């Protein structure tokens, strides 16, 4: 299994676990702690930057020495740029996948709060 696949699986597992946490806290009418949200954003950005760096090596896209750091700091802008520049129009699906993984906990919590409380 490739490293990029393992990183995507780790992102998926983290997203599902965070969704479960948010739904449980929604049902118990508690708020998510700020530390949990900060950890989610930090780990998501870190894994996405790591994925981009490994993927750039696999596609022989020489983006420079500090590419991983720049992707980590500006990932909402850099990931779509990188994916579209390496994959073309098909990269839109990858971008939507990352957006879906990032927003899954929030959306699932809102759905649980709207329909089940």
PDB file of N, CA and C in Angstrom:
ATOM      1  N   UNK A   1       0.842  -1.179   0.000  1.00  0.00           N
ATOM      2  CA  UNK A   1       0.000   0.000   0.000  1.00  0.00           C
ATOM      3  C   UNK A   1       0.889   1.245   0.000  1.00  0.00           C
ATOM      4  N   UNK A   2       0.536   2.229  -0.805  1.00  0.00           N
ATOM      5  CA  UNK A   2       1.325   3.444  -0.908  1.00  0.00           C
ATOM      6  C   UNK A   2       1.138   4.322   0.335  1.00  0.00           C
ATOM      7  N   UNK A   3       2.138   5.177   0.570  1.00  0.00           N
ATOM      8  CA  UNK A   3       2.049   6.091   1.706  1.00  0.00           C
ATOM      9  C   UNK A   3       0.888   7.067   1.544  1.00  0.00           C
ATOM     10  N   UNK A   4       0.638   7.477   0.304  1.00  0.00           N
ATOM     11  CA  UNK A   4      -0.458   8.421   0.091  1.00  0.00           C
ATOM     12  C   UNK A   4      -1.798   7.803   0.476  1.00  0.00           C
ATOM     13  N   UNK A   5      -1.955   6.518   0.208  1.00  0.00           N
ATOM     14  CA  UNK A   5      -3.197   5.837   0.579  1.00  0.00           C
ATOM     15  C   UNK A   5      -3.326   5.738   2.094  1.00  0.00           C
ATOM     16  N   UNK A   6      -2.211   5.481   2.774  1.00  0.00           N
ATOM     17  CA  UNK A   6      -2.247   5.412   4.233  1.00  0.00           C
ATOM     18  C   UNK A   6      -2.609   6.758   4.853  1.00  0.00           C
ATOM     19  N   UNK A   7      -2.109   7.823   4.261  1.00  0.00           N
ATOM     20  CA  UNK A   7      -2.434   9.154   4.780  1.00  0.00           C
ATOM     21  C   UNK A   7      -3.912   9.466   4.566  1.00  0.00           C
ATOM     22  N   UNK A   8      -4.442   9.109   3.409  1.00  0.00           N
ATOM     23  CA  UNK A   8      -5.869   9.319   3.136  1.00  0.00           C
ATOM     24  C   UNK A   8      -6.714   8.492   4.108  1.00  0.00           C
ATOM     25  N   UNK A   9      -6.302   7.259   4.390  1.00  0.00           N
ATOM     26  CA  UNK A   9      -7.032   6.423   5.349  1.00  0.00           C
ATOM     27  C   UNK A   9      -6.965   7.036   6.742  1.00  0.00           C
ATOM     28  N   UNK A  10      -5.803   7.572   7.119  1.00  0.00           N
ATOM     29  CA  UNK A  10      -5.684   8.233   8.423  1.00  0.00           C
ATOM     30  C   UNK A  10      -6.592   9.453   8.501  1.00  0.00           C
ATOM     31  N   UNK A  11      -6.665  10.227   7.410  1.00  0.00           N
ATOM     32  CA  UNK A  11      -7.580  11.377   7.380  1.00  0.00           C
ATOM     33  C   UNK A  11      -9.033  10.930   7.513  1.00  0.00           C
ATOM     34  N   UNK A  12      -9.385   9.857   6.839  1.00  0.00           N
ATOM     35  CA  UNK A  12     -10.747   9.339   6.912  1.00  0.00           C
ATOM     36  C   UNK A  12     -11.081   8.865   8.329  1.00  0.00           C
ATOM     37  N   UNK A  13     -10.176   8.136   8.952  1.00  0.00           N
ATOM     38  CA  UNK A  13     -10.406   7.659  10.318  1.00  0.00           C
ATOM     39  C   UNK A  13     -10.516   8.829  11.288  1.00  0.00           C
ATOM     40  N   UNK A  14      -9.635   9.818  11.137  1.00  0.00           N
ATOM     41  CA  UNK A  14      -9.711  10.996  12.014  1.00  0.00           C
ATOM     42  C   UNK A  14     -11.027  11.739  11.815  1.00  0.00           C
ATOM     43  N   UNK A  15     -11.476  11.845  10.588  1.00  0.00           N
ATOM     44  CA  UNK A  15     -12.720  12.542  10.306  1.00  0.00           C
ATOM     45  C   UNK A  15     -13.919  11.805  10.907  1.00  0.00           C
ATOM     46  N   UNK A  16     -13.918  10.478  10.790  1.00  0.00           N
ATOM     47  CA  UNK A  16     -15.010   9.685  11.357  1.00  0.00           C
ATOM     48  C   UNK A  16     -15.000   9.765  12.878  1.00  0.00           C
ATOM     49  N   UNK A  17     -13.817   9.686  13.496  1.00  0.00           N
ATOM     50  CA  UNK A  17     -13.726   9.787  14.962  1.00  0.00           C
ATOM     51  C   UNK A  17     -14.170  11.158  15.455  1.00  0.00           C
ATOM     52  N   UNK A  18     -13.756  12.193  14.746  1.00  0.00           N
ATOM     53  CA  UNK A  18     -14.176  13.541  15.136  1.00  0.00           C
ATOM     54  C   UNK A  18     -15.676  13.718  14.932  1.00  0.00           C
ATOM     55  N   UNK A  19     -16.228  13.124  13.885  1.00  0.00           N
ATOM     56  CA  UNK A  19     -17.678  13.178  13.666  1.00  0.00           C
ATOM     57  C   UNK A  19     -18.413  12.491  14.811  1.00  0.00           C
ATOM     58  N   UNK A  20     -17.915  11.331  15.202  1.00  0.00           N
ATOM     59  CA  UNK A  20     -18.538  10.600  16.323  1.00  0.00           C
ATOM     60  C   UNK A  20     -18.489  11.437  17.597  1.00  0.00           C
ATOM     61  N   UNK A  21     -17.345  12.053  17.868  1.00  0.00           N
ATOM     62  CA  UNK A  21     -17.214  12.909  19.046  1.00  0.00           C
ATOM     63  C   UNK A  21     -18.200  14.066  18.995  1.00  0.00           C
ATOM     64  N   UNK A  22     -18.305  14.702  17.859  1.00  0.00           N
ATOM     65  CA  UNK A  22     -19.216  15.841  17.736  1.00  0.00           C
ATOM     66  C   UNK A  22     -20.672  15.411  17.877  1.00  0.00           C
ATOM     67  N   UNK A  23     -21.038  14.262  17.336  1.00  0.00           N
ATOM     68  CA  UNK A  23     -22.422  13.789  17.454  1.00  0.00           C
ATOM     69  C   UNK A  23     -22.747  13.429  18.896  1.00  0.00           C
ATOM     70  N   UNK A  24     -21.819  12.749  19.576  1.00  0.00           N
ATOM     71  CA  UNK A  24     -22.054  12.389  20.982  1.00  0.00           C
ATOM     72  C   UNK A  24     -22.193  13.641  21.838  1.00  0.00           C
ATOM     73  N   UNK A  25     -21.351  14.621  21.596  1.00  0.00           N
ATOM     74  CA  UNK A  25     -21.454  15.859  22.366  1.00  0.00           C
ATOM     75  C   UNK A  25     -22.721  16.634  22.014  1.00  0.00           C
ATOM     76  N   UNK A  26     -23.166  16.531  20.791  1.00  0.00           N
ATOM     77  CA  UNK A  26     -24.420  17.184  20.409  1.00  0.00           C
ATOM     78  C   UNK A  26     -25.601  16.557  21.139  1.00  0.00           C
ATOM     79  N   UNK A  27     -25.614  15.224  21.204  1.00  0.00           N
ATOM     80  CA  UNK A  27     -26.706  14.552  21.905  1.00  0.00           C
ATOM     81  C   UNK A  27     -26.693  14.833  23.400  1.00  0.00           C
ATOM     82  N   UNK A  28     -25.521  15.019  23.983  1.00  0.00           N
ATOM     83  CA  UNK A  28     -25.451  15.323  25.414  1.00  0.00           C
ATOM     84  C   UNK A  28     -25.532  16.826  25.679  1.00  0.00           C
ATOM     85  N   UNK A  29     -25.784  17.602  24.625  1.00  0.00           N
ATOM     86  CA  UNK A  29     -25.954  19.053  24.693  1.00  0.00           C
ATOM     87  C   UNK A  29     -24.758  19.754  25.325  1.00  0.00           C
ATOM     88  N   UNK A  30     -23.582  19.317  24.914  1.00  0.00           N
ATOM     89  CA  UNK A  30     -22.338  19.951  25.331  1.00  0.00           C
ATOM     90  C   UNK A  30     -21.625  20.468  24.098  1.00  0.00           C
ATOM     91  N   UNK A  31     -20.706  21.398  24.328  1.00  0.00           N
ATOM     92  CA  UNK A  31     -19.935  21.943  23.223  1.00  0.00           C
ATOM     93  C   UNK A  31     -18.588  21.250  23.116  1.00  0.00           C
ATOM     94  N   UNK A  32     -18.042  21.244  21.914  1.00  0.00           N
ATOM     95  CA  UNK A  32     -16.716  20.678  21.697  1.00  0.00           C
ATOM     96  C   UNK A  32     -15.693  21.650  22.278  1.00  0.00           C
ATOM     97  N   UNK A  33     -14.731  21.108  22.981  1.00  0.00           N
ATOM     98  CA  UNK A  33     -13.704  21.956  23.576  1.00  0.00           C
ATOM     99  C   UNK A  33     -12.854  22.595  22.480  1.00  0.00           C
ATOM    100  N   UNK A  34     -12.342  23.756  22.777  1.00  0.00           N
ATOM    101  CA  UNK A  34     -11.515  24.477  21.826  1.00  0.00           C
ATOM    102  C   UNK A  34     -10.249  23.692  21.499  1.00  0.00           C
ATOM    103  N   UNK A  35      -9.679  23.005  22.500  1.00  0.00           N
ATOM    104  CA  UNK A  35      -8.473  22.208  22.263  1.00  0.00           C
ATOM    105  C   UNK A  35      -8.717  21.104  21.245  1.00  0.00           C
ATOM    106  N   UNK A  36      -9.884  20.518  21.268  1.00  0.00           N
ATOM    107  CA  UNK A  36     -10.215  19.465  20.311  1.00  0.00           C
ATOM    108  C   UNK A  36     -10.294  20.025  18.896  1.00  0.00           C
ATOM    109  N   UNK A  37     -10.906  21.182  18.751  1.00  0.00           N
ATOM    110  CA  UNK A  37     -10.981  21.808  17.424  1.00  0.00           C
ATOM    111  C   UNK A  37      -9.603  22.218  16.919  1.00  0.00           C
ATOM    112  N   UNK A  38      -8.767  22.748  17.804  1.00  0.00           N
ATOM    113  CA  UNK A  38      -7.417  23.139  17.409  1.00  0.00           C
ATOM    114  C   UNK A  38      -6.610  21.914  16.982  1.00  0.00           C
ATOM    115  N   UNK A  39      -6.754  20.817  17.732  1.00  0.00           N
ATOM    116  CA  UNK A  39      -6.057  19.581  17.371  1.00  0.00           C
ATOM    117  C   UNK A  39      -6.528  19.065  16.019  1.00  0.00           C
ATOM    118  N   UNK A  40      -7.826  19.138  15.746  1.00  0.00           N
ATOM    119  CA  UNK A  40      -8.375  18.690  14.467  1.00  0.00           C
ATOM    120  C   UNK A  40      -7.788  19.497  13.315  1.00  0.00           C
ATOM    121  N   UNK A  41      -7.768  20.808  13.438  1.00  0.00           N
ATOM    122  CA  UNK A  41      -7.250  21.660  12.365  1.00  0.00           C
ATOM    123  C   UNK A  41      -5.748  21.425  12.180  1.00  0.00           C
ATOM    124  N   UNK A  42      -5.013  21.300  13.287  1.00  0.00           N
ATOM    125  CA  UNK A  42      -3.568  21.071  13.216  1.00  0.00           C
ATOM    126  C   UNK A  42      -3.252  19.743  12.536  1.00  0.00           C
ATOM    127  N   UNK A  43      -3.894  18.674  12.976  1.00  0.00           N
ATOM    128  CA  UNK A  43      -3.606  17.351  12.421  1.00  0.00           C
ATOM    129  C   UNK A  43      -4.071  17.231  10.967  1.00  0.00           C
ATOM    130  N   UNK A  44      -5.216  17.822  10.647  1.00  0.00           N
ATOM    131  CA  UNK A  44      -5.690  17.767   9.267  1.00  0.00           C
ATOM    132  C   UNK A  44      -4.713  18.488   8.345  1.00  0.00           C
ATOM    133  N   UNK A  45      -4.312  19.683   8.728  1.00  0.00           N
ATOM    134  CA  UNK A  45      -3.349  20.432   7.916  1.00  0.00           C
ATOM    135  C   UNK A  45      -2.020  19.715   7.782  1.00  0.00           C
ATOM    136  N   UNK A  46      -1.566  19.095   8.868  1.00  0.00           N
ATOM    137  CA  UNK A  46      -0.303  18.371   8.842  1.00  0.00           C
ATOM    138  C   UNK A  46      -0.366  17.165   7.903  1.00  0.00           C
ATOM    139  N   UNK A  47      -1.437  16.398   7.986  1.00  0.00           N
ATOM    140  CA  UNK A  47      -1.570  15.216   7.127  1.00  0.00           C
ATOM    141  C   UNK A  47      -1.767  15.599   5.658  1.00  0.00           C
ATOM    142  N   UNK A  48      -2.499  16.664   5.406  1.00  0.00           N
ATOM    143  CA  UNK A  48      -2.690  17.107   4.019  1.00  0.00           C
ATOM    144  C   UNK A  48      -1.367  17.601   3.434  1.00  0.00           C
ATOM    145  N   UNK A  49      -0.579  18.338   4.225  1.00  0.00           N
ATOM    146  CA  UNK A  49       0.724  18.803   3.747  1.00  0.00           C
ATOM    147  C   UNK A  49       1.656  17.625   3.499  1.00  0.00           C
ATOM    148  N   UNK A  50       1.608  16.627   4.369  1.00  0.00           N
ATOM    149  CA  UNK A  50       2.432  15.436   4.185  1.00  0.00           C
ATOM    150  C   UNK A  50       2.014  14.692   2.920  1.00  0.00           C
ATOM    151  N   UNK A  51       0.701  14.593   2.706  1.00  0.00           N
ATOM    152  CA  UNK A  51       0.206  13.938   1.496  1.00  0.00           C
ATOM    153  C   UNK A  51       0.697  14.672   0.251  1.00  0.00           C
ATOM    154  N   UNK A  52       0.612  15.991   0.257  1.00  0.00           N
ATOM    155  CA  UNK A  52       1.054  16.778  -0.902  1.00  0.00           C
ATOM    156  C   UNK A  52       2.543  16.592  -1.164  1.00  0.00           C
ATOM    157  N   UNK A  53       3.332  16.546  -0.096  1.00  0.00           N
ATOM    158  CA  UNK A  53       4.765  16.395  -0.277  1.00  0.00           C
ATOM    159  C   UNK A  53       5.113  15.023  -0.850  1.00  0.00           C
ATOM    160  N   UNK A  54       4.493  13.969  -0.357  1.00  0.00           N
ATOM    161  CA  UNK A  54       4.750  12.627  -0.888  1.00  0.00           C
ATOM    162  C   UNK A  54       4.212  12.507  -2.309  1.00  0.00           C
ATOM    163  N   UNK A  55       3.031  13.078  -2.555  1.00  0.00           N
ATOM    164  CA  UNK A  55       2.443  13.021  -3.885  1.00  0.00           C
ATOM    165  C   UNK A  55       3.284  13.793  -4.895  1.00  0.00           C
ATOM    166  N   UNK A  56       3.892  14.892  -4.466  1.00  0.00           N
ATOM    167  CA  UNK A  56       4.753  15.661  -5.371  1.00  0.00           C
ATOM    168  C   UNK A  56       5.974  14.845  -5.775  1.00  0.00           C
ATOM    169  N   UNK A  57       6.506  14.045  -4.845  1.00  0.00           N
ATOM    170  CA  UNK A  57       7.631  13.177  -5.193  1.00  0.00           C
ATOM    171  C   UNK A  57       7.196  12.095  -6.180  1.00  0.00           C
ATOM    172  N   UNK A  58       6.001  11.546  -5.979  1.00  0.00           N
ATOM    173  CA  UNK A  58       5.525  10.490  -6.869  1.00  0.00           C
ATOM    174  C   UNK A  58       5.251  11.014  -8.277  1.00  0.00           C
ATOM    175  N   UNK A  59       4.799  12.253  -8.394  1.00  0.00           N
ATOM    176  CA  UNK A  59       4.502  12.842  -9.705  1.00  0.00           C
ATOM    177  C   UNK A  59       5.688  13.613 -10.277  1.00  0.00           C
ATOM    178  N   UNK A  60       6.836  13.533  -9.605  1.00  0.00           N
ATOM    179  CA  UNK A  60       8.051  14.225 -10.040  1.00  0.00           C
ATOM    180  C   UNK A  60       7.802  15.710 -10.257  1.00  0.00           C
ATOM    181  N   UNK A  61       7.015  16.289  -9.366  1.00  0.00           N
ATOM    182  CA  UNK A  61       6.727  17.719  -9.425  1.00  0.00           C
ATOM    183  C   UNK A  61       7.662  18.423  -8.444  1.00  0.00           C
ATOM    184  N   UNK A  62       8.717  19.010  -8.952  1.00  0.00           N
ATOM    185  CA  UNK A  62       9.682  19.687  -8.101  1.00  0.00           C
ATOM    186  C   UNK A  62       9.121  21.052  -7.723  1.00  0.00           C
ATOM    187  N   UNK A  63       8.614  21.155  -6.512  1.00  0.00           N
ATOM    188  CA  UNK A  63       7.974  22.394  -6.071  1.00  0.00           C
ATOM    189  C   UNK A  63       8.858  23.224  -5.154  1.00  0.00           C
ATOM    190  N   UNK A  64      10.049  22.791  -4.859  1.00  0.00           N
ATOM    191  CA  UNK A  64      10.950  23.573  -4.025  1.00  0.00           C
ATOM    192  C   UNK A  64      11.176  22.939  -2.671  1.00  0.00           C
ATOM    193  N   UNK A  65      12.135  23.495  -1.954  1.00  0.00           N
ATOM    194  CA  UNK A  65      12.553  22.929  -0.677  1.00  0.00           C
ATOM    195  C   UNK A  65      11.488  23.084   0.404  1.00  0.00           C
ATOM    196  N   UNK A  66      10.859  24.236   0.476  1.00  0.00           N
ATOM    197  CA  UNK A  66       9.910  24.515   1.554  1.00  0.00           C
ATOM    198  C   UNK A  66       8.454  24.310   1.136  1.00  0.00           C
ATOM    199  N   UNK A  67       8.222  23.464   0.167  1.00  0.00           N
ATOM    200  CA  UNK A  67       6.864  23.228  -0.330  1.00  0.00           C
ATOM    201  C   UNK A  67       5.954  22.685   0.765  1.00  0.00           C
ATOM    202  N   UNK A  68       6.432  21.736   1.560  1.00  0.00           N
ATOM    203  CA  UNK A  68       5.616  21.147   2.628  1.00  0.00           C
ATOM    204  C   UNK A  68       5.192  22.178   3.660  1.00  0.00           C
ATOM    205  N   UNK A  69       6.107  23.075   4.031  1.00  0.00           N
ATOM    206  CA  UNK A  69       5.780  24.110   5.007  1.00  0.00           C
ATOM    207  C   UNK A  69       4.765  25.096   4.449  1.00  0.00           C
ATOM    208  N   UNK A  70       4.940  25.481   3.213  1.00  0.00           N
ATOM    209  CA  UNK A  70       4.008  26.434   2.601  1.00  0.00           C
ATOM    210  C   UNK A  70       2.626  25.807   2.463  1.00  0.00           C
ATOM    211  N   UNK A  71       2.578  24.521   2.100  1.00  0.00           N
ATOM    212  CA  UNK A  71       1.281  23.842   2.017  1.00  0.00           C
ATOM    213  C   UNK A  71       0.642  23.770   3.396  1.00  0.00           C
ATOM    214  N   UNK A  72       1.434  23.505   4.443  1.00  0.00           N
ATOM    215  CA  UNK A  72       0.877  23.424   5.790  1.00  0.00           C
ATOM    216  C   UNK A  72       0.292  24.763   6.238  1.00  0.00           C
ATOM    217  N   UNK A  73       0.973  25.842   5.953  1.00  0.00           N
ATOM    218  CA  UNK A  73       0.505  27.162   6.391  1.00  0.00           C
ATOM    219  C   UNK A  73      -0.699  27.620   5.564  1.00  0.00           C
ATOM    220  N   UNK A  74      -0.639  27.444   4.264  1.00  0.00           N
ATOM    221  CA  UNK A  74      -1.686  27.955   3.367  1.00  0.00           C
ATOM    222  C   UNK A  74      -2.456  26.830   2.690  1.00  0.00           C
ATOM    223  N   UNK A  75      -2.759  25.736   3.395  1.00  0.00           N
ATOM    224  CA  UNK A  75      -3.331  24.561   2.731  1.00  0.00           C
ATOM    225  C   UNK A  75      -4.676  24.809   2.056  1.00  0.00           C
ATOM    226  N   UNK A  76      -5.544  25.704   2.553  1.00  0.00           N
ATOM    227  CA  UNK A  76      -6.803  25.893   1.802  1.00  0.00           C
ATOM    228  C   UNK A  76      -6.597  26.469   0.391  1.00  0.00           C
ATOM    229  N   UNK A  77      -5.475  27.148   0.179  1.00  0.00           N
ATOM    230  CA  UNK A  77      -5.196  27.716  -1.143  1.00  0.00           C
ATOM    231  C   UNK A  77      -4.224  26.831  -1.920  1.00  0.00           C
ATOM    232  N   UNK A  78      -3.213  26.313  -1.244  1.00  0.00           N
ATOM    233  CA  UNK A  78      -2.146  25.574  -1.920  1.00  0.00           C
ATOM    234  C   UNK A  78      -2.572  24.181  -2.391  1.00  0.00           C
ATOM    235  N   UNK A  79      -3.430  23.511  -1.627  1.00  0.00           N
ATOM    236  CA  UNK A  79      -3.832  22.155  -2.032  1.00  0.00           C
ATOM    237  C   UNK A  79      -4.609  22.188  -3.359  1.00  0.00           C
ATOM    238  N   UNK A  80      -5.612  23.060  -3.514  1.00  0.00           N
ATOM    239  CA  UNK A  80      -6.259  23.111  -4.840  1.00  0.00           C
ATOM    240  C   UNK A  80      -5.292  23.500  -5.961  1.00  0.00           C
ATOM    241  N   UNK A  81      -4.381  24.429  -5.675  1.00  0.00           N
ATOM    242  CA  UNK A  81      -3.400  24.821  -6.692  1.00  0.00           C
ATOM    243  C   UNK A  81      -2.520  23.644  -7.078  1.00  0.00           C
ATOM    244  N   UNK A  82      -1.999  22.927  -6.083  1.00  0.00           N
ATOM    245  CA  UNK A  82      -1.115  21.799  -6.374  1.00  0.00           C
ATOM    246  C   UNK A  82      -1.859  20.688  -7.114  1.00  0.00           C
ATOM    247  N   UNK A  83      -3.032  20.337  -6.616  1.00  0.00           N
ATOM    248  CA  UNK A  83      -3.768  19.221  -7.216  1.00  0.00           C
ATOM    249  C   UNK A  83      -4.187  19.552  -8.650  1.00  0.00           C
ATOM    250  N   UNK A  84      -4.638  20.757  -8.883  1.00  0.00           N
ATOM    251  CA  UNK A  84      -5.037  21.138 -10.239  1.00  0.00           C
ATOM    252  C   UNK A  84      -3.837  21.254 -11.174  1.00  0.00           C
ATOM    253  N   UNK A  85      -2.673  21.652 -10.631  1.00  0.00           N
ATOM    254  CA  UNK A  85      -1.500  21.767 -11.497  1.00  0.00           C
ATOM    255  C   UNK A  85      -0.903  20.402 -11.833  1.00  0.00           C
ATOM    256  N   UNK A  86      -1.090  19.401 -10.980  1.00  0.00           N
ATOM    257  CA  UNK A  86      -0.531  18.082 -11.275  1.00  0.00           C
ATOM    258  C   UNK A  86      -1.523  17.157 -11.967  1.00  0.00           C
ATOM    259  N   UNK A  87      -2.808  17.313 -11.710  1.00  0.00           N
ATOM    260  CA  UNK A  87      -3.794  16.384 -12.248  1.00  0.00           C
ATOM    261  C   UNK A  87      -4.725  17.005 -13.281  1.00  0.00           C
ATOM    262  N   UNK A  88      -4.703  18.300 -13.396  1.00  0.00           N
ATOM    263  CA  UNK A  88      -5.605  18.955 -14.330  1.00  0.00           C
ATOM    264  C   UNK A  88      -7.013  19.016 -13.778  1.00  0.00           C
ATOM    265  N   UNK A  89      -7.980  18.941 -14.662  1.00  0.00           N
ATOM    266  CA  UNK A  89      -9.381  19.098 -14.272  1.00  0.00           C
ATOM    267  C   UNK A  89      -9.857  17.950 -13.388  1.00  0.00           C
ATOM    268  N   UNK A  90      -9.223  16.771 -13.489  1.00  0.00           N
ATOM    269  CA  UNK A  90      -9.606  15.642 -12.635  1.00  0.00           C
ATOM    270  C   UNK A  90      -9.262  15.897 -11.172  1.00  0.00           C
ATOM    271  N   UNK A  91      -8.388  16.848 -10.920  1.00  0.00           N
ATOM    272  CA  UNK A  91      -7.999  17.180  -9.557  1.00  0.00           C
ATOM    273  C   UNK A  91      -9.108  17.809  -8.743  1.00  0.00           C
ATOM    274  N   UNK A  92     -10.160  18.262  -9.413  1.00  0.00           N
ATOM    275  CA  UNK A  92     -11.289  18.856  -8.685  1.00  0.00           C
ATOM    276  C   UNK A  92     -11.917  17.818  -7.761  1.00  0.00           C
ATOM    277  N   UNK A  93     -11.954  16.563  -8.181  1.00  0.00           N
ATOM    278  CA  UNK A  93     -12.504  15.510  -7.324  1.00  0.00           C
ATOM    279  C   UNK A  93     -11.671  15.327  -6.065  1.00  0.00           C
ATOM    280  N   UNK A  94     -10.361  15.423  -6.190  1.00  0.00           N
ATOM    281  CA  UNK A  94      -9.485  15.308  -5.017  1.00  0.00           C
ATOM    282  C   UNK A  94      -9.720  16.479  -4.070  1.00  0.00           C
ATOM    283  N   UNK A  95      -9.852  17.673  -4.627  1.00  0.00           N
ATOM    284  CA  UNK A  95     -10.113  18.856  -3.799  1.00  0.00           C
ATOM    285  C   UNK A  95     -11.446  18.713  -3.072  1.00  0.00           C
ATOM    286  N   UNK A  96     -12.478  18.263  -3.787  1.00  0.00           N
ATOM    287  CA  UNK A  96     -13.772  18.053  -3.137  1.00  0.00           C
ATOM    288  C   UNK A  96     -13.703  16.960  -2.074  1.00  0.00           C
ATOM    289  N   UNK A  97     -12.863  15.962  -2.295  1.00  0.00           N
ATOM    290  CA  UNK A  97     -12.670  14.918  -1.290  1.00  0.00           C
ATOM    291  C   UNK A  97     -12.062  15.470  -0.011  1.00  0.00           C
ATOM    292  N   UNK A  98     -11.049  16.321  -0.142  1.00  0.00           N
ATOM    293  CA  UNK A  98     -10.450  16.934   1.044  1.00  0.00           C
ATOM    294  C   UNK A  98     -11.442  17.860   1.750  1.00  0.00           C
ATOM    295  N   UNK A  99     -12.230  18.590   0.969  1.00  0.00           N
ATOM    296  CA  UNK A  99     -13.247  19.460   1.574  1.00  0.00           C
ATOM    297  C   UNK A  99     -14.287  18.628   2.307  1.00  0.00           C
ATOM    298  N   UNK A 100     -14.675  17.513   1.729  1.00  0.00           N
ATOM    299  CA  UNK A 100     -15.657  16.634   2.372  1.00  0.00           C
ATOM    300  C   UNK A 100     -15.099  16.041   3.662  1.00  0.00           C
ATOM    301  N   UNK A 101     -13.847  15.608   3.647  1.00  0.00           N
ATOM    302  CA  UNK A 101     -13.243  15.058   4.862  1.00  0.00           C
ATOM    303  C   UNK A 101     -13.131  16.115   5.956  1.00  0.00           C
ATOM    304  N   UNK A 102     -12.803  17.344   5.569  1.00  0.00           N
ATOM    305  CA  UNK A 102     -12.652  18.408   6.560  1.00  0.00           C
ATOM    306  C   UNK A 102     -13.995  18.820   7.156  1.00  0.00           C
ATOM    307  N   UNK A 103     -15.028  18.846   6.337  1.00  0.00           N
ATOM    308  CA  UNK A 103     -16.321  19.338   6.811  1.00  0.00           C
ATOM    309  C   UNK A 103     -17.246  18.249   7.344  1.00  0.00           C
ATOM    310  N   UNK A 104     -16.866  16.981   7.230  1.00  0.00           N
ATOM    311  CA  UNK A 104     -17.712  15.885   7.701  1.00  0.00           C
ATOM    312  C   UNK A 104     -18.097  15.999   9.178  1.00  0.00           C
ATOM    313  N   UNK A 105     -17.177  16.302  10.103  1.00  0.00           N
ATOM    314  CA  UNK A 105     -17.587  16.414  11.507  1.00  0.00           C
ATOM    315  C   UNK A 105     -18.608  17.529  11.752  1.00  0.00           C
ATOM    316  N   UNK A 106     -18.425  18.649  11.121  1.00  0.00           N
ATOM    317  CA  UNK A 106     -19.332  19.779  11.322  1.00  0.00           C
ATOM    318  C   UNK A 106     -20.709  19.461  10.748  1.00  0.00           C
ATOM    319  N   UNK A 107     -20.719  18.924   9.537  1.00  0.00           N
ATOM    320  CA  UNK A 107     -21.986  18.610   8.875  1.00  0.00           C
ATOM    321  C   UNK A 107     -22.737  17.515   9.627  1.00  0.00           C
ATOM    322  N   UNK A 108     -22.030  16.481  10.070  1.00  0.00           N
ATOM    323  CA  UNK A 108     -22.700  15.399  10.796  1.00  0.00           C
ATOM    324  C   UNK A 108     -23.256  15.887  12.128  1.00  0.00           C
ATOM    325  N   UNK A 109     -22.541  16.784  12.787  1.00  0.00           N
ATOM    326  CA  UNK A 109     -23.050  17.353  14.036  1.00  0.00           C
ATOM    327  C   UNK A 109     -24.296  18.203  13.791  1.00  0.00           C
ATOM    328  N   UNK A 110     -24.278  18.972  12.717  1.00  0.00           N
ATOM    329  CA  UNK A 110     -25.455  19.783  12.397  1.00  0.00           C
ATOM    330  C   UNK A 110     -26.658  18.926  12.027  1.00  0.00           C
ATOM    331  N   UNK A 111     -26.429  17.860  11.291  1.00  0.00           N
ATOM    332  CA  UNK A 111     -27.523  16.951  10.930  1.00  0.00           C
ATOM    333  C   UNK A 111     -28.085  16.284  12.173  1.00  0.00           C
ATOM    334  N   UNK A 112     -27.210  15.828  13.072  1.00  0.00           N
ATOM    335  CA  UNK A 112     -27.659  15.200  14.304  1.00  0.00           C
ATOM    336  C   UNK A 112     -28.449  16.184  15.162  1.00  0.00           C
ATOM    337  N   UNK A 113     -27.980  17.411  15.233  1.00  0.00           N
ATOM    338  CA  UNK A 113     -28.668  18.412  16.049  1.00  0.00           C
ATOM    339  C   UNK A 113     -30.013  18.790  15.442  1.00  0.00           C
ATOM    340  N   UNK A 114     -30.084  18.894  14.128  1.00  0.00           N
ATOM    341  CA  UNK A 114     -31.312  19.319  13.456  1.00  0.00           C
ATOM    342  C   UNK A 114     -32.389  18.238  13.498  1.00  0.00           C
ATOM    343  N   UNK A 115     -32.015  17.013  13.187  1.00  0.00           N
ATOM    344  CA  UNK A 115     -33.030  15.981  13.010  1.00  0.00           C
ATOM    345  C   UNK A 115     -33.257  15.074  14.226  1.00  0.00           C
ATOM    346  N   UNK A 116     -32.321  15.032  15.148  1.00  0.00           N
ATOM    347  CA  UNK A 116     -32.443  14.053  16.232  1.00  0.00           C
ATOM    348  C   UNK A 116     -32.498  14.654  17.624  1.00  0.00           C
ATOM    349  N   UNK A 117     -32.514  15.953  17.750  1.00  0.00           N
ATOM    350  CA  UNK A 117     -32.654  16.543  19.092  1.00  0.00           C
ATOM    351  C   UNK A 117     -33.904  17.378  19.163  1.00  0.00           C
TER     352      UNK A 117
END
